[in-house]
Amino acid sequence: MNIHFISKSRNRKTGDIPVTYSERGTCPPSCPHYESDCYGEDFYTRLAWNKVPTRGASLADTCDRIAALPDNELWRFNIAGDLPGKGEAIDPAALGEIVRANFGKRGFTFTHKKSDDAISWIRHANAWGFTVNLSADDAGEADTLAATGLPVVCIVPMDTPERTTTPEGRAIVVCPAQTRDDKTCKTCGLCAAGNRKVIVGFRAHGTRAKQTDQRARRVIPIQAAN
């Protein structure tokens, strides 16, 4: 498994934090965005993602770079790609190495791997300080995933207000980097807070946003919170 580690991202949304890309084979085919409307298929992101097999380094080398980050450093595992392991599976040994390298740092990521086995390993990762957010594709699925007690993010329609709720009344806050010009992952850090109760909503975006938006509208209406 190759991972491309970038010590300082040029992405406007993330800010200049360390980020990684993982090989395409880590993505689960069950993800509804798989080889479809995934933001990873946007032109520049796709270019970087496709070069992981040649630009990337081994897991051991990547973990050395993570471990060498300053204490309390905020970093994002995977702009594109998923947790280590082929397709739906999680490689617990590889995930454990990343978790160990992250000790004292503020690493976070997102996953579409949601089997019972995957949830079990994700729970361990979060317990040891590596924040793995479960990715929901609409606000209804966010309720289902939130019942696990793990941190959750979800796609919301493009016109969703900054604060809203799921069908079961859980709070959703739209990603501040999407609603404020002065916010980035670096200055926000909300997705790295593994013990938060609020669900982070990502308005459909990217070159295929209309398709993603339609998926997010499977649960309607989404209304502004009081």
Protein backbone atom coordinates (compact mmCIF):
# COMPACT_ATOMS: atom_id res chain seq x y z
CA MET A 1 0.00 0.00 0.00
CA ASN A 2 1.44 3.35 -1.06
CA ILE A 3 0.53 6.62 0.63
CA HIS A 4 1.47 10.04 -0.70
CA PHE A 5 2.33 12.36 2.20
CA ILE A 6 2.30 16.12 1.57
CA SER A 7 3.87 18.14 4.37
CA LYS A 8 2.05 21.37 3.49
CA SER A 9 -1.18 21.31 1.50
CA ARG A 10 -1.91 24.00 -1.08
CA ASN A 11 -5.63 23.33 -0.87
CA ARG A 12 -7.60 26.48 0.01
CA LYS A 13 -10.13 24.52 2.07
CA THR A 14 -7.68 22.60 4.23
CA GLY A 15 -5.11 25.34 4.67
CA ASP A 16 -1.42 24.47 4.79
CA ILE A 17 -1.68 21.39 7.02
CA PRO A 18 -0.04 18.01 6.27
CA VAL A 19 -2.32 15.73 4.21
CA THR A 20 -2.14 12.36 2.49
CA TYR A 21 -3.60 10.50 -0.47
CA SER A 22 -4.10 6.72 -0.40
CA GLU A 23 -4.36 4.34 -3.32
CA ARG A 24 -7.73 3.96 -5.06
CA GLY A 25 -7.94 0.32 -4.03
CA THR A 26 -8.64 1.37 -0.44
CA CYS A 27 -12.06 2.74 -1.44
CA PRO A 28 -15.06 0.47 -0.81
CA PRO A 29 -17.18 -0.23 -3.93
CA SER A 30 -20.28 0.06 -1.72
CA CYS A 31 -19.70 3.83 -1.52
CA PRO A 32 -22.40 5.40 -3.75
CA HIS A 33 -19.83 7.91 -5.05
CA TYR A 34 -17.37 5.20 -6.09
CA GLU A 35 -16.03 5.97 -9.57
CA SER A 36 -18.96 8.37 -9.95
CA ASP A 37 -19.52 11.77 -8.32
CA CYS A 38 -16.72 11.48 -5.75
CA TYR A 39 -14.98 14.85 -5.28
CA GLY A 40 -11.74 12.90 -5.69
CA GLU A 41 -12.61 12.68 -9.37
CA ASP A 42 -12.37 16.46 -9.78
CA PHE A 43 -9.60 17.28 -12.24
CA TYR A 44 -6.73 18.43 -10.00
CA THR A 45 -7.57 16.04 -7.16
CA ARG A 46 -7.75 13.16 -9.62
CA LEU A 47 -4.35 14.07 -11.05
CA ALA A 48 -2.75 13.87 -7.61
CA TRP A 49 -4.68 10.72 -6.66
CA ASN A 50 -3.68 8.86 -9.81
CA LYS A 51 0.00 9.47 -9.04
CA VAL A 52 -0.07 7.81 -5.62
CA PRO A 53 1.33 4.48 -6.91
CA THR A 54 4.43 6.28 -8.25
CA ARG A 55 4.77 9.24 -5.87
CA GLY A 56 3.69 7.48 -2.72
CA ALA A 57 5.84 5.89 -0.03
CA SER A 58 5.42 2.80 2.10
CA LEU A 59 3.25 2.71 5.20
CA ALA A 60 6.37 2.58 7.39
CA ASP A 61 7.89 5.66 5.75
CA THR A 62 4.59 7.52 5.99
CA CYS A 63 4.22 6.68 9.67
CA ASP A 64 7.75 7.94 10.31
CA ARG A 65 6.74 11.28 8.79
CA ILE A 66 3.54 11.42 10.83
CA ALA A 67 5.40 10.62 14.05
CA ALA A 68 7.90 13.39 13.27
CA LEU A 69 5.19 16.05 13.14
CA PRO A 70 5.20 18.57 16.00
CA ASP A 71 3.13 17.79 19.07
CA ASN A 72 -0.55 18.73 18.68
CA GLU A 73 -0.14 19.13 14.89
CA LEU A 74 -3.43 19.02 12.99
CA TRP A 75 -3.20 16.82 9.90
CA ARG A 76 -5.59 15.06 7.56
CA PHE A 77 -5.27 11.46 6.47
CA ASN A 78 -6.57 11.21 2.91
CA ILE A 79 -7.77 13.97 0.69
CA ALA A 80 -8.73 10.97 -1.44
CA GLY A 81 -8.70 7.27 -0.64
CA ASP A 82 -9.92 5.45 2.46
CA LEU A 83 -8.60 3.61 5.50
CA PRO A 84 -5.91 0.96 4.85
CA GLY A 85 -7.27 -2.30 3.53
CA LYS A 86 -8.64 -3.36 0.18
CA GLY A 87 -12.19 -2.32 -0.67
CA GLU A 88 -14.63 -2.90 2.18
CA ALA A 89 -12.00 -4.34 4.54
CA ILE A 90 -9.81 -2.59 7.07
CA ASP A 91 -6.25 -3.76 7.62
CA PRO A 92 -6.11 -3.52 11.44
CA ALA A 93 -2.33 -3.80 11.63
CA ALA A 94 -1.82 -0.95 9.15
CA LEU A 95 -4.45 1.19 10.86
CA GLY A 96 -2.76 0.47 14.18
CA GLU A 97 0.55 1.77 12.84
CA ILE A 98 -1.10 5.02 11.77
CA VAL A 99 -2.82 5.35 15.15
CA ARG A 100 0.52 4.80 16.92
CA ALA A 101 2.30 7.36 14.74
CA ASN A 102 -0.47 9.86 15.55
CA PHE A 103 0.09 9.76 19.32
CA GLY A 104 0.33 13.38 20.48
CA LYS A 105 -0.95 14.71 17.13
CA ARG A 106 -4.44 15.66 15.94
CA GLY A 107 -4.94 13.42 12.92
CA PHE A 108 -8.38 13.02 11.41
CA THR A 109 -9.97 11.34 8.42
CA PHE A 110 -13.24 10.15 6.91
CA THR A 111 -14.40 6.69 5.86
CA HIS A 112 -17.13 4.97 3.88
CA LYS A 113 -16.20 1.58 5.38
CA LYS A 114 -19.18 0.73 7.57
CA SER A 115 -19.33 -3.03 8.13
CA ASP A 116 -19.60 -4.27 11.72
CA ASP A 117 -15.94 -5.31 11.58
CA ALA A 118 -14.91 -1.91 10.22
CA ILE A 119 -16.89 -0.08 12.89
CA SER A 120 -15.10 -2.12 15.55
CA TRP A 121 -11.65 -1.11 14.31
CA ILE A 122 -12.74 2.49 13.78
CA ARG A 123 -13.93 2.59 17.37
CA HIS A 124 -10.47 1.49 18.55
CA ALA A 125 -8.78 4.14 16.40
CA ASN A 126 -10.94 6.89 17.87
CA ALA A 127 -10.37 5.64 21.41
CA TRP A 128 -6.62 6.04 20.85
CA GLY A 129 -6.88 9.60 19.54
CA PHE A 130 -6.99 9.19 15.76
CA THR A 131 -10.33 10.70 14.73
CA VAL A 132 -12.09 8.64 12.07
CA ASN A 133 -15.37 10.22 10.96
CA LEU A 134 -18.10 7.98 9.54
CA SER A 135 -19.30 9.47 6.24
CA ALA A 136 -23.06 9.55 5.68
CA ASP A 137 -24.61 10.30 2.30
CA ASP A 138 -27.71 12.04 3.64
CA ALA A 139 -29.06 13.27 6.96
CA GLY A 140 -31.10 10.10 7.50
CA GLU A 141 -28.02 7.89 7.29
CA ALA A 142 -26.28 10.34 9.62
CA ASP A 143 -28.83 9.41 12.29
CA THR A 144 -28.10 5.72 11.78
CA LEU A 145 -24.35 6.20 11.99
CA ALA A 146 -24.56 8.58 14.96
CA ALA A 147 -26.19 5.77 16.94
CA THR A 148 -22.75 4.09 17.01
CA GLY A 149 -21.47 6.92 19.20
CA LEU A 150 -18.69 7.68 16.71
CA PRO A 151 -18.14 11.10 15.07
CA VAL A 152 -20.19 11.55 11.89
CA VAL A 153 -20.16 13.81 8.86
CA CYS A 154 -22.76 13.89 6.12
CA ILE A 155 -23.45 15.36 2.72
CA VAL A 156 -26.21 17.96 2.70
CA PRO A 157 -27.92 19.79 -0.18
CA MET A 158 -26.22 22.87 -1.57
CA ASP A 159 -28.84 25.23 -0.12
CA THR A 160 -28.69 23.83 3.42
CA PRO A 161 -28.49 26.56 6.11
CA GLU A 162 -25.44 26.77 8.35
CA ARG A 163 -27.25 25.10 11.24
CA THR A 164 -29.90 22.48 10.80
CA THR A 165 -30.95 19.08 12.17
CA THR A 166 -31.29 15.48 11.07
CA PRO A 167 -34.73 13.82 10.88
CA GLU A 168 -34.21 12.61 14.47
CA GLY A 169 -33.22 16.06 15.69
CA ARG A 170 -29.43 15.76 15.87
CA ALA A 171 -27.59 19.01 15.25
CA ILE A 172 -25.81 19.54 11.93
CA VAL A 173 -23.32 22.35 11.42
CA VAL A 174 -22.26 23.00 7.84
CA CYS A 175 -18.48 22.90 7.42
CA PRO A 176 -17.23 26.38 8.42
CA ALA A 177 -14.75 26.34 5.53
CA GLN A 178 -17.76 26.29 3.20
CA THR A 179 -19.59 29.13 4.90
CA ARG A 180 -16.79 31.51 5.94
CA ASP A 181 -13.93 32.87 3.87
CA ASP A 182 -11.65 33.07 6.91
CA LYS A 183 -12.01 29.42 7.87
CA THR A 184 -9.97 26.39 6.79
CA CYS A 185 -9.40 22.98 8.32
CA LYS A 186 -6.28 24.46 9.89
CA THR A 187 -8.19 27.23 11.69
CA CYS A 188 -11.29 25.15 12.47
CA GLY A 189 -10.38 21.62 13.56
CA LEU A 190 -13.99 20.56 14.13
CA CYS A 191 -13.63 17.29 12.20
CA ALA A 192 -10.66 16.37 14.38
CA ALA A 193 -12.78 16.53 17.55
CA GLY A 194 -13.58 12.87 18.09
CA ASN A 195 -15.79 13.45 21.13
CA ARG A 196 -18.10 16.00 19.52
CA LYS A 197 -21.85 15.43 19.34
CA VAL A 198 -22.58 17.71 16.40
CA ILE A 199 -22.63 16.26 12.87
CA VAL A 200 -20.56 18.17 10.32
CA GLY A 201 -22.43 18.73 7.07
CA PHE A 202 -20.68 19.16 3.74
CA ARG A 203 -22.68 20.94 1.09
CA ALA A 204 -22.50 19.06 -2.19
CA HIS A 205 -19.55 20.47 -4.12
CA GLY A 206 -17.19 19.69 -6.96
CA THR A 207 -17.70 19.32 -10.69
CA ARG A 208 -20.44 16.73 -10.14
CA ALA A 209 -22.16 18.57 -7.31
CA LYS A 210 -25.63 18.33 -8.86
CA GLN A 211 -25.49 14.55 -8.80
CA THR A 212 -24.24 14.55 -5.21
CA ASP A 213 -26.90 17.08 -4.27
CA GLN A 214 -29.64 14.76 -5.49
CA ARG A 215 -28.32 11.96 -3.29
CA ALA A 216 -28.36 14.26 -0.27
CA ARG A 217 -31.98 15.24 -0.95
CA ARG A 218 -33.23 11.71 -0.34
CA VAL A 219 -34.11 12.94 3.14
CA ILE A 220 -36.16 16.14 2.98
CA PRO A 221 -36.92 18.69 4.12
CA ILE A 222 -33.84 19.95 5.91
CA GLN A 223 -34.78 23.02 7.88
CA ALA A 224 -32.85 25.69 9.70
CA ALA A 225 -32.40 24.99 13.40
CA ASN A 226 -34.32 27.22 15.78
